[in-house]
Amino acid sequence: MAKKKKSIELSEKNIVCKIDDVEYKIIRFYPARMTVDVKAVSKNAQKGQLNIPFAHLPKATKQLIKPN
């Protein structure tokens, strides 16, 4: 039976990325689904958490997370 990969908490690392002129703080990374939970920190963005694919993050941000 395959092991389930757990989520990796990243909120304490304070990783911030900018996607489409909106700044997001990365909260959690899910290696099994290759997605991240993000929270908008810009004033002009809608509030709440989003779940976006890992591939949509900027390259510099991906290197900080290191999913391997």
Protein backbone atom coordinates (compact mmCIF):
# COMPACT_ATOMS: atom_id res chain seq x y z
CA MET A 1 0.00 0.00 0.00
CA ALA A 2 1.36 3.42 -0.96
CA LYS A 3 2.22 5.95 1.70
CA LYS A 4 0.40 9.25 1.68
CA LYS A 5 2.66 12.29 1.62
CA LYS A 6 1.78 14.84 4.27
CA SER A 7 1.45 18.54 3.68
CA ILE A 8 4.43 20.77 4.44
CA GLU A 9 3.68 23.86 6.53
CA LEU A 10 5.44 26.94 5.09
CA SER A 11 3.72 29.81 6.88
CA GLU A 12 6.61 30.33 9.30
CA LYS A 13 9.07 30.82 6.41
CA ASN A 14 7.20 33.94 5.19
CA ILE A 15 7.56 33.12 1.49
CA VAL A 16 5.85 35.75 -0.66
CA CYS A 17 5.41 35.61 -4.44
CA LYS A 18 3.80 37.91 -6.98
CA ILE A 19 1.40 36.48 -9.56
CA ASP A 20 -0.56 38.77 -11.92
CA ASP A 21 0.23 41.92 -9.87
CA VAL A 22 -1.11 40.32 -6.67
CA GLU A 23 1.17 39.34 -3.79
CA TYR A 24 0.51 35.99 -2.15
CA LYS A 25 1.94 34.46 1.01
CA ILE A 26 2.51 30.72 0.71
CA ILE A 27 0.96 28.81 3.59
CA ARG A 28 1.16 25.09 2.82
CA PHE A 29 2.55 22.74 0.15
CA TYR A 30 0.89 19.42 -0.79
CA PRO A 31 3.50 17.15 -2.45
CA ALA A 32 0.97 14.46 -3.40
CA ARG A 33 -1.08 16.88 -5.50
CA MET A 34 1.75 19.36 -6.25
CA THR A 35 -0.36 22.32 -5.14
CA VAL A 36 0.10 25.15 -2.64
CA ASP A 37 -2.30 27.04 -0.41
CA VAL A 38 -1.77 30.79 -0.69
CA LYS A 39 -3.26 33.84 0.97
CA ALA A 40 -3.52 37.21 -0.79
CA VAL A 41 -1.69 40.00 1.05
CA SER A 42 -2.24 42.84 -1.46
CA LYS A 43 -4.84 45.49 -0.66
CA ASN A 44 -6.52 45.23 -4.07
CA ALA A 45 -6.92 41.42 -4.00
CA GLN A 46 -9.83 39.38 -2.80
CA LYS A 47 -9.42 37.96 0.69
CA GLY A 48 -9.29 34.30 1.59
CA GLN A 49 -7.16 31.29 0.75
CA LEU A 50 -6.62 29.83 -2.69
CA ASN A 51 -5.19 26.52 -3.79
CA ILE A 52 -3.01 26.93 -6.90
CA PRO A 53 -0.80 24.49 -8.83
CA PHE A 54 2.89 24.44 -7.93
CA ALA A 55 3.79 24.91 -11.61
CA HIS A 56 2.17 28.37 -11.65
CA LEU A 57 4.61 29.77 -9.07
CA PRO A 58 7.60 31.88 -10.16
CA LYS A 59 10.88 29.99 -10.52
CA ALA A 60 12.54 31.78 -7.59
CA THR A 61 9.69 30.75 -5.30
CA LYS A 62 9.83 27.13 -6.45
CA GLN A 63 13.50 26.97 -5.50
CA LEU A 64 12.70 28.13 -1.95
CA ILE A 65 10.09 25.40 -1.47
CA LYS A 66 12.13 22.49 -2.94
CA PRO A 67 9.50 19.76 -3.34
CA ASN A 68 12.02 16.88 -3.57
